[in-house]
C-alpha atoms as a PDB file:
ATOM      1  CA  MET A   1       8.490  39.626-108.716  1.00  0.00           C
ATOM      2  CA  ASN A   2       8.194  36.104-109.200  1.00  0.00           C
ATOM      3  CA  ASN A   3      11.052  35.573-107.138  1.00  0.00           C
ATOM      4  CA  LYS A   4       8.572  36.685-104.366  1.00  0.00           C
ATOM      5  CA  ALA A   5       5.805  34.992-105.346  1.00  0.00           C
ATOM      6  CA  ILE A   6       3.897  32.888-102.214  1.00  0.00           C
ATOM      7  CA  PRO A   7       3.064  28.764-103.472  1.00  0.00           C
ATOM      8  CA  GLY A   8      -0.805  28.151-103.206  1.00  0.00           C
ATOM      9  CA  PHE A   9      -0.092  25.670-100.835  1.00  0.00           C
ATOM     10  CA  PHE A  10       0.999  28.174 -98.128  1.00  0.00           C
ATOM     11  CA  TRP A  11      -2.425  29.904 -98.191  1.00  0.00           C
ATOM     12  CA  PHE A  12      -3.692  26.449 -96.181  1.00  0.00           C
ATOM     13  CA  ILE A  13      -0.826  26.315 -93.724  1.00  0.00           C
ATOM     14  CA  PRO A  14      -2.667  28.967 -91.511  1.00  0.00           C
ATOM     15  CA  LEU A  15      -5.480  25.963 -91.177  1.00  0.00           C
ATOM     16  CA  VAL A  16      -3.153  23.819 -89.000  1.00  0.00           C
ATOM     17  CA  PRO A  17      -3.132  25.890 -85.975  1.00  0.00           C
ATOM     18  CA  LEU A  18      -6.856  26.865 -86.244  1.00  0.00           C
ATOM     19  CA  ALA A  19      -7.597  23.487 -86.490  1.00  0.00           C
ATOM     20  CA  LEU A  20      -5.726  22.694 -83.360  1.00  0.00           C
ATOM     21  CA  ALA A  21      -7.694  25.562 -81.778  1.00  0.00           C
ATOM     22  CA  LEU A  22     -10.836  24.318 -82.408  1.00  0.00           C
ATOM     23  CA  ILE A  23      -9.241  21.031 -80.947  1.00  0.00           C
ATOM     24  CA  THR A  24      -8.194  22.373 -77.845  1.00  0.00           C
ATOM     25  CA  TYR A  25     -11.231  24.408 -77.122  1.00  0.00           C
ATOM     26  CA  PHE A  26     -14.091  21.381 -78.217  1.00  0.00           C
ATOM     27  CA  GLY A  27     -11.891  18.884 -76.796  1.00  0.00           C
ATOM     28  CA  ASP A  28     -12.351  20.376 -73.219  1.00  0.00           C
ATOM     29  CA  LEU A  29      -8.467  20.655 -73.110  1.00  0.00           C
ATOM     30  CA  GLN A  30      -8.602  24.501 -72.559  1.00  0.00           C
ATOM     31  CA  SER A  31      -8.074  24.669 -68.992  1.00  0.00           C
ATOM     32  CA  SER A  32      -5.577  21.477 -68.718  1.00  0.00           C
ATOM     33  CA  SER A  33      -3.543  22.855 -71.594  1.00  0.00           C
ATOM     34  CA  PHE A  34      -2.790  26.052 -70.166  1.00  0.00           C
ATOM     35  CA  LEU A  35      -2.194  25.287 -66.754  1.00  0.00           C
ATOM     36  CA  PHE A  36       0.425  22.678 -68.175  1.00  0.00           C
ATOM     37  CA  ILE A  37       2.353  25.290 -70.262  1.00  0.00           C
ATOM     38  CA  ASN A  38       1.919  28.022 -67.711  1.00  0.00           C
ATOM     39  CA  GLN A  39       3.620  25.734 -65.172  1.00  0.00           C
ATOM     40  CA  LEU A  40       6.091  24.328 -67.580  1.00  0.00           C
ATOM     41  CA  THR A  41       7.325  28.304 -68.317  1.00  0.00           C
ATOM     42  CA  GLN A  42       8.132  29.052 -64.845  1.00  0.00           C
ATOM     43  CA  LEU A  43      11.403  27.302 -65.670  1.00  0.00           C
ATOM     44  CA  LEU A  44      12.514  30.094 -67.206  1.00  0.00           C
ATOM     45  CA  PRO A  45      12.530  33.690 -65.430  1.00  0.00           C
ATOM     46  CA  ASP A  46       9.889  35.872 -65.860  1.00  0.00           C
ATOM     47  CA  THR A  47      11.991  38.416 -67.672  1.00  0.00           C
ATOM     48  CA  LEU A  48      12.559  36.391 -70.355  1.00  0.00           C
ATOM     49  CA  TRP A  49       8.685  36.055 -71.446  1.00  0.00           C
ATOM     50  CA  ALA A  50       8.053  39.307 -70.646  1.00  0.00           C
ATOM     51  CA  TRP A  51      10.937  40.184 -72.679  1.00  0.00           C
ATOM     52  CA  LEU A  52       9.191  38.056 -75.674  1.00  0.00           C
ATOM     53  CA  THR A  53       5.545  39.675 -75.218  1.00  0.00           C
ATOM     54  CA  PHE A  54       7.554  42.725 -75.859  1.00  0.00           C
ATOM     55  CA  LEU A  55       8.204  41.203 -79.562  1.00  0.00           C
ATOM     56  CA  GLY A  56       4.370  40.897 -80.093  1.00  0.00           C
ATOM     57  CA  ASN A  57       3.875  44.337 -79.113  1.00  0.00           C
ATOM     58  CA  GLY A  58       3.140  46.527 -82.061  1.00  0.00           C
ATOM     59  CA  TRP A  59       5.188  49.438 -81.078  1.00  0.00           C
ATOM     60  CA  GLY A  60       7.854  47.432 -79.888  1.00  0.00           C
ATOM     61  CA  ILE A  61       8.488  45.187 -83.155  1.00  0.00           C
ATOM     62  CA  PHE A  62       8.155  48.302 -84.778  1.00  0.00           C
ATOM     63  CA  ALA A  63      11.078  49.877 -83.414  1.00  0.00           C
ATOM     64  CA  LEU A  64      13.369  47.085 -83.679  1.00  0.00           C
ATOM     65  CA  ALA A  65      12.253  46.361 -87.017  1.00  0.00           C
ATOM     66  CA  PHE A  66      13.022  50.395 -88.072  1.00  0.00           C
ATOM     67  CA  PRO A  67      16.478  49.811 -89.217  1.00  0.00           C
ATOM     68  CA  LEU A  68      15.166  47.906 -92.285  1.00  0.00           C
ATOM     69  CA  LEU A  69      13.877  51.504 -93.505  1.00  0.00           C
ATOM     70  CA  LEU A  70      17.508  51.434 -94.672  1.00  0.00           C
ATOM     71  CA  LEU A  71      18.633  48.009 -94.999  1.00  0.00           C
ATOM     72  CA  ALA A  72      15.790  46.210 -96.612  1.00  0.00           C
ATOM     73  CA  PRO A  73      12.690  48.888 -96.844  1.00  0.00           C
ATOM     74  CA  ARG A  74      10.253  46.768 -98.948  1.00  0.00           C
ATOM     75  CA  MET A  75      10.899  44.050 -95.945  1.00  0.00           C
ATOM     76  CA  LEU A  76       9.537  46.502 -93.714  1.00  0.00           C
ATOM     77  CA  THR A  77       6.886  47.829 -95.811  1.00  0.00           C
ATOM     78  CA  ALA A  78       5.201  44.503 -95.729  1.00  0.00           C
ATOM     79  CA  GLY A  79       6.114  44.428 -92.377  1.00  0.00           C
ATOM     80  CA  ILE A  80       3.575  47.812 -91.778  1.00  0.00           C
ATOM     81  CA  PHE A  81       1.206  46.682 -93.923  1.00  0.00           C
ATOM     82  CA  ALA A  82       0.916  43.425 -92.392  1.00  0.00           C
ATOM     83  CA  GLY A  83       1.262  44.823 -88.778  1.00  0.00           C
ATOM     84  CA  VAL A  84      -1.904  47.104 -89.639  1.00  0.00           C
ATOM     85  CA  ILE A  85      -4.029  44.074 -91.257  1.00  0.00           C
ATOM     86  CA  ALA A  86      -3.090  42.278 -88.125  1.00  0.00           C
ATOM     87  CA  ALA A  87      -4.046  45.021 -85.692  1.00  0.00           C
ATOM     88  CA  THR A  88      -7.606  45.244 -87.403  1.00  0.00           C
ATOM     89  CA  THR A  89      -7.977  41.837 -87.468  1.00  0.00           C
ATOM     90  CA  SER A  90      -6.932  41.319 -83.811  1.00  0.00           C
ATOM     91  CA  SER A  91      -9.694  44.085 -82.744  1.00  0.00           C
ATOM     92  CA  VAL A  92     -12.718  42.714 -84.996  1.00  0.00           C
ATOM     93  CA  LEU A  93     -12.001  38.943 -83.870  1.00  0.00           C
ATOM     94  CA  LYS A  94     -11.741  40.073 -80.348  1.00  0.00           C
ATOM     95  CA  GLY A  95     -15.195  42.197 -80.367  1.00  0.00           C
ATOM     96  CA  PHE A  96     -16.780  39.273 -82.196  1.00  0.00           C
ATOM     97  CA  PHE A  97     -15.779  36.132 -80.226  1.00  0.00           C
ATOM     98  CA  ASP A  98     -15.056  38.598 -76.790  1.00  0.00           C
ATOM     99  CA  LEU A  99     -14.277  35.362 -74.905  1.00  0.00           C
ATOM    100  CA  PRO A 100     -12.802  35.225 -71.437  1.00  0.00           C
ATOM    101  CA  ARG A 101      -9.462  35.054 -70.296  1.00  0.00           C
ATOM    102  CA  PRO A 102      -7.760  32.744 -67.599  1.00  0.00           C
ATOM    103  CA  ALA A 103      -7.771  35.166 -65.113  1.00  0.00           C
ATOM    104  CA  SER A 104     -11.759  35.556 -65.488  1.00  0.00           C
ATOM    105  CA  ILE A 105     -12.394  31.932 -64.751  1.00  0.00           C
ATOM    106  CA  LEU A 106      -9.623  30.197 -62.583  1.00  0.00           C
ATOM    107  CA  THR A 107      -8.578  30.871 -59.280  1.00  0.00           C
ATOM    108  CA  GLU A 108      -6.423  33.646 -58.063  1.00  0.00           C
ATOM    109  CA  GLY A 109      -3.139  32.240 -57.297  1.00  0.00           C
ATOM    110  CA  GLY A 110      -3.652  29.096 -59.267  1.00  0.00           C
ATOM    111  CA  PHE A 111      -1.516  29.689 -61.755  1.00  0.00           C
ATOM    112  CA  ASN A 112       1.209  32.140 -62.427  1.00  0.00           C
ATOM    113  CA  ARG A 113       0.504  35.396 -63.713  1.00  0.00           C
ATOM    114  CA  ILE A 114       3.055  38.510 -64.705  1.00  0.00           C
ATOM    115  CA  GLY A 115       1.381  41.728 -64.686  1.00  0.00           C
ATOM    116  CA  GLU A 116      -2.056  43.025 -64.329  1.00  0.00           C
ATOM    117  CA  ALA A 117      -5.154  40.467 -64.591  1.00  0.00           C
ATOM    118  CA  LEU A 118      -6.869  40.665 -67.909  1.00  0.00           C
ATOM    119  CA  LEU A 119     -10.148  39.490 -67.846  1.00  0.00           C
ATOM    120  CA  HIS A 120     -12.042  39.627 -71.260  1.00  0.00           C
ATOM    121  CA  ARG A 121     -11.598  39.721 -75.180  1.00  0.00           C
ATOM    122  CA  ALA A 122      -9.479  36.503 -75.026  1.00  0.00           C
ATOM    123  CA  PHE A 123      -9.422  35.242 -78.812  1.00  0.00           C
ATOM    124  CA  PRO A 124      -7.026  35.705 -80.652  1.00  0.00           C
ATOM    125  CA  SER A 125      -3.858  36.901 -78.961  1.00  0.00           C
ATOM    126  CA  GLY A 126      -3.442  39.942 -80.408  1.00  0.00           C
ATOM    127  CA  HIS A 127       0.958  39.895 -79.653  1.00  0.00           C
ATOM    128  CA  THR A 128       0.710  36.547 -81.309  1.00  0.00           C
ATOM    129  CA  LEU A 129      -1.079  37.461 -84.106  1.00  0.00           C
ATOM    130  CA  THR A 130       1.213  40.417 -84.373  1.00  0.00           C
ATOM    131  CA  ALA A 131       4.536  38.470 -84.341  1.00  0.00           C
ATOM    132  CA  PHE A 132       3.095  36.124 -87.028  1.00  0.00           C
ATOM    133  CA  ALA A 133       2.174  38.595 -88.964  1.00  0.00           C
ATOM    134  CA  ILE A 134       5.507  40.051 -89.025  1.00  0.00           C
ATOM    135  CA  ALA A 135       7.106  36.730 -89.425  1.00  0.00           C
ATOM    136  CA  SER A 136       5.197  36.151 -92.002  1.00  0.00           C
ATOM    137  CA  ALA A 137       5.310  39.624 -94.082  1.00  0.00           C
ATOM    138  CA  LEU A 138       9.162  39.481 -93.951  1.00  0.00           C
ATOM    139  CA  TYR A 139       9.881  35.831 -95.054  1.00  0.00           C
ATOM    140  CA  PHE A 140       7.317  36.390 -97.988  1.00  0.00           C
ATOM    141  CA  SER A 141       8.511  39.828 -98.878  1.00  0.00           C
ATOM    142  CA  ALA A 142      12.566  38.326 -99.401  1.00  0.00           C
ATOM    143  CA  ASN A 143      13.712  36.656-102.049  1.00  0.00           C
ATOM    144  CA  LYS A 144      13.008  33.067-102.469  1.00  0.00           C
ATOM    145  CA  GLU A 145      16.483  32.018-102.364  1.00  0.00           C
ATOM    146  CA  LYS A 146      16.976  34.171 -99.004  1.00  0.00           C
ATOM    147  CA  ARG A 147      13.969  33.065 -97.113  1.00  0.00           C
ATOM    148  CA  THR A 148      15.472  29.804 -95.499  1.00  0.00           C
ATOM    149  CA  PRO A 149      17.119  31.745 -92.302  1.00  0.00           C
ATOM    150  CA  LEU A 150      14.065  33.810 -92.027  1.00  0.00           C
ATOM    151  CA  LEU A 151      12.289  30.568 -90.961  1.00  0.00           C
ATOM    152  CA  LEU A 152      13.968  31.267 -87.699  1.00  0.00           C
ATOM    153  CA  LEU A 153      11.461  34.306 -87.862  1.00  0.00           C
ATOM    154  CA  PHE A 154       8.696  31.914 -86.827  1.00  0.00           C
ATOM    155  CA  VAL A 155      10.412  29.886 -83.933  1.00  0.00           C
ATOM    156  CA  LEU A 156      10.516  33.250 -82.352  1.00  0.00           C
ATOM    157  CA  ALA A 157       7.167  34.207 -83.415  1.00  0.00           C
ATOM    158  CA  THR A 158       6.292  30.754 -81.282  1.00  0.00           C
ATOM    159  CA  PHE A 159       7.912  31.540 -78.271  1.00  0.00           C
ATOM    160  CA  VAL A 160       6.279  34.951 -78.661  1.00  0.00           C
ATOM    161  CA  GLY A 161       2.816  33.132 -78.313  1.00  0.00           C
ATOM    162  CA  LEU A 162       4.012  30.762 -75.726  1.00  0.00           C
ATOM    163  CA  SER A 163       4.965  34.039 -73.476  1.00  0.00           C
ATOM    164  CA  ARG A 164       1.495  35.090 -73.918  1.00  0.00           C
ATOM    165  CA  ASN A 165       0.641  31.709 -71.695  1.00  0.00           C
ATOM    166  CA  ALA A 166       3.521  32.248 -69.520  1.00  0.00           C
ATOM    167  CA  VAL A 167       2.166  35.604 -68.280  1.00  0.00           C
ATOM    168  CA  GLY A 168      -0.962  34.491 -68.057  1.00  0.00           C
ATOM    169  CA  ALA A 169      -2.832  36.319 -70.388  1.00  0.00           C
ATOM    170  CA  HIS A 170      -4.071  33.671 -72.825  1.00  0.00           C
ATOM    171  CA  TRP A 171      -5.362  30.283 -73.358  1.00  0.00           C
ATOM    172  CA  LEU A 172      -3.566  27.770 -75.651  1.00  0.00           C
ATOM    173  CA  THR A 173      -6.390  28.373 -78.201  1.00  0.00           C
ATOM    174  CA  ASP A 174      -5.787  32.034 -78.120  1.00  0.00           C
ATOM    175  CA  VAL A 175      -2.702  31.349 -79.323  1.00  0.00           C
ATOM    176  CA  LEU A 176      -3.036  29.060 -82.072  1.00  0.00           C
ATOM    177  CA  GLY A 177      -5.832  31.310 -83.461  1.00  0.00           C
ATOM    178  CA  GLY A 178      -3.394  34.103 -83.070  1.00  0.00           C
ATOM    179  CA  ALA A 179      -0.577  32.224 -85.209  1.00  0.00           C
ATOM    180  CA  GLY A 180      -3.169  31.183 -88.157  1.00  0.00           C
ATOM    181  CA  PHE A 181      -4.463  34.243 -88.324  1.00  0.00           C
ATOM    182  CA  GLY A 182      -1.158  36.110 -88.349  1.00  0.00           C
ATOM    183  CA  ILE A 183       0.478  33.911 -90.878  1.00  0.00           C
ATOM    184  CA  TRP A 184      -2.497  35.033 -92.869  1.00  0.00           C
ATOM    185  CA  CYS A 185      -2.028  38.764 -92.341  1.00  0.00           C
ATOM    186  CA  GLY A 186       1.598  38.403 -93.382  1.00  0.00           C
ATOM    187  CA  MET A 187       1.061  36.858 -96.297  1.00  0.00           C
ATOM    188  CA  ILE A 188      -1.501  39.620 -97.217  1.00  0.00           C
ATOM    189  CA  GLY A 189       1.134  42.180 -95.842  1.00  0.00           C
ATOM    190  CA  ALA A 190       3.701  40.696 -98.205  1.00  0.00           C
ATOM    191  CA  LEU A 191       1.503  40.762-101.355  1.00  0.00           C
ATOM    192  CA  LEU A 192       0.939  44.511-100.976  1.00  0.00           C
ATOM    193  CA  ALA A 193       4.239  45.233-100.422  1.00  0.00           C
ATOM    194  CA  ASN A 194       5.601  42.940-103.367  1.00  0.00           C
ATOM    195  CA  ARG A 195       3.747  45.757-105.489  1.00  0.00           C
ATOM    196  CA  PHE A 196       4.778  48.786-103.934  1.00  0.00           C
ATOM    197  CA  PRO A 197       6.961  50.699-106.559  1.00  0.00           C
ATOM    198  CA  GLU A 198      10.457  50.091-106.306  1.00  0.00           C
ATOM    199  CA  SER A 199      11.422  53.851-107.409  1.00  0.00           C
ATOM    200  CA  GLN A 200       9.079  54.742-104.114  1.00  0.00           C
ATOM    201  CA  LEU A 201      11.599  52.715-101.529  1.00  0.00           C
ATOM    202  CA  GLY A 202      14.386  55.201-101.667  1.00  0.00           C
ATOM    203  CA  PRO A 203      14.995  57.026 -98.313  1.00  0.00           C
ATOM    204  CA  LYS A 204      14.507  60.282 -99.841  1.00  0.00           C
ATOM    205  CA  LYS A 205      10.918  59.061-100.839  1.00  0.00           C
ATOM    206  CA  ILE A 206       7.826  60.469 -99.183  1.00  0.00           C
ATOM    207  CA  TRP A 207       6.793  56.542 -98.191  1.00  0.00           C
ATOM    208  CA  ALA A 208      10.128  57.000 -96.212  1.00  0.00           C
ATOM    209  CA  HIS A 209       9.319  59.940 -94.444  1.00  0.00           C
ATOM    210  CA  LEU A 210       6.149  59.009 -93.771  1.00  0.00           C
ATOM    211  CA  ILE A 211       7.705  55.896 -91.871  1.00  0.00           C
ATOM    212  CA  ALA A 212      10.269  58.147 -90.114  1.00  0.00           C
ATOM    213  CA  LEU A 213       7.653  60.072 -88.628  1.00  0.00           C
ATOM    214  CA  GLY A 214       5.752  57.004 -87.350  1.00  0.00           C
ATOM    215  CA  SER A 215       8.983  56.589 -85.800  1.00  0.00           C
ATOM    216  CA  VAL A 216       8.786  59.758 -83.772  1.00  0.00           C
ATOM    217  CA  VAL A 217       5.351  58.675 -82.682  1.00  0.00           C
ATOM    218  CA  ALA A 218       6.911  55.210 -81.799  1.00  0.00           C
ATOM    219  CA  ALA A 219       9.793  56.786 -79.353  1.00  0.00           C
ATOM    220  CA  TYR A 220       7.438  59.067 -77.819  1.00  0.00           C
ATOM    221  CA  SER A 221       5.124  56.137 -76.743  1.00  0.00           C
ATOM    222  CA  HIS A 222       7.959  53.818 -75.815  1.00  0.00           C
ATOM    223  CA  LEU A 223       9.464  57.224 -73.593  1.00  0.00           C
ATOM    224  CA  THR A 224       5.700  57.958 -72.157  1.00  0.00           C
ATOM    225  CA  GLN A 225       3.883  54.303 -71.903  1.00  0.00           C
ATOM    226  CA  MET A 226       4.436  51.003 -70.585  1.00  0.00           C
ATOM    227  CA  MET A 227       4.439  48.472 -72.859  1.00  0.00           C
ATOM    228  CA  ASP A 228       2.502  45.484 -71.799  1.00  0.00           C
ATOM    229  CA  LEU A 229       4.786  44.790 -68.484  1.00  0.00           C
ATOM    230  CA  GLU A 230       7.181  46.962 -66.193  1.00  0.00           C
ATOM    231  CA  LEU A 231       9.822  44.465 -67.012  1.00  0.00           C
ATOM    232  CA  ASN A 232       9.855  45.589 -70.429  1.00  0.00           C
ATOM    233  CA  GLN A 233      11.265  49.044 -69.363  1.00  0.00           C
ATOM    234  CA  PRO A 234      15.184  48.409 -70.823  1.00  0.00           C
ATOM    235  CA  LEU A 235      13.712  46.891 -74.091  1.00  0.00           C
ATOM    236  CA  GLN A 236      11.627  50.021 -74.434  1.00  0.00           C
ATOM    237  CA  TYR A 237      14.696  52.436 -73.866  1.00  0.00           C
ATOM    238  CA  ALA A 238      16.965  49.971 -76.163  1.00  0.00           C
ATOM    239  CA  SER A 239      13.756  50.447 -78.746  1.00  0.00           C
ATOM    240  CA  ILE A 240      14.513  54.235 -78.408  1.00  0.00           C
ATOM    241  CA  ALA A 241      17.837  54.360 -79.010  1.00  0.00           C
ATOM    242  CA  ILE A 242      17.414  52.042 -82.228  1.00  0.00           C
ATOM    243  CA  ILE A 243      15.122  54.649 -83.652  1.00  0.00           C
ATOM    244  CA  VAL A 244      17.261  58.003 -82.388  1.00  0.00           C
ATOM    245  CA  ILE A 245      20.355  55.953 -84.449  1.00  0.00           C
ATOM    246  CA  THR A 246      18.627  54.916 -87.445  1.00  0.00           C
ATOM    247  CA  LEU A 247      16.816  58.570 -87.799  1.00  0.00           C
ATOM    248  CA  ALA A 248      20.729  60.004 -87.763  1.00  0.00           C
ATOM    249  CA  PHE A 249      21.612  57.563 -90.535  1.00  0.00           C
ATOM    250  CA  TYR A 250      18.267  58.249 -92.624  1.00  0.00           C
ATOM    251  CA  GLY A 251      18.818  61.857 -91.711  1.00  0.00           C
ATOM    252  CA  LYS A 252      22.611  61.537 -93.661  1.00  0.00           C
ATOM    253  CA  ALA A 253      21.002  59.603 -96.483  1.00  0.00           C
ATOM    254  CA  GLN A 254      18.943  62.777 -97.371  1.00  0.00           C
ATOM    255  CA  PHE A 255      22.262  64.879 -98.012  1.00  0.00           C
ATOM    256  CA  SER A 256      24.016  62.272 -99.514  1.00  0.00           C
ATOM    257  CA  GLN A 257      24.523  62.388-103.496  1.00  0.00           C
ATOM    258  CA  ALA A 258      23.648  59.142-105.578  1.00  0.00           C
ATOM    259  CA  HIS A 259      26.863  57.873-107.623  1.00  0.00           C
ATOM    260  CA  PRO A 260      26.360  58.041-111.334  1.00  0.00           C
ATOM    261  CA  LYS A 261      26.250  54.282-112.989  1.00  0.00           C
END
């Protein structure tokens, strides 16, 4: 798995957004940076920012990445590991810091808000953390020669982070913190997945069956719950369709015969 190795200096990259978060927080730039970005993002429709926020939702990103079960099972495995680590990390950090969100400090109507007002457990942004964790996991679980196009995932994760400011849910410091911790979570997830035996990644293996079972839970969640914002309803239906189609191909793979070499 040397072609999937993570260079040592990459582990220091998350320190950059974390340092910027500290500068923003202790430099008394919290409100001004939030209001600037929140106002700037109003140039684009609310639906766009709502859909970008969906990409930071655990069930949402799982559904969209589910086809990797058949196309690139190791990458999906890395994403799942990273997602679990990210969810745990986010929960622990939010409980530890328990910082107020913009809606609990700024004047009502003084900024653009999409959806219900969220007041507590601001740091870090869980959606941003998840988005960067998945981007990092997919990037570092790929072969080195195939990683360059995957850099776009980090660009997408950045927009997911901005969407949390656009919908009025998080400060810039929360987003920067989520990015930093998320990259670390993704790297750890990739390390674990890269050690997963190749022989256990096929569609007929127990691990694939467990993931498929998880997709049923995901589909049920998309059908019965609102994923963050009402504007995301079309994406939830699309996610269900992706899961159903992938499960159909997964079911077909259970009856296919391996071709002799």
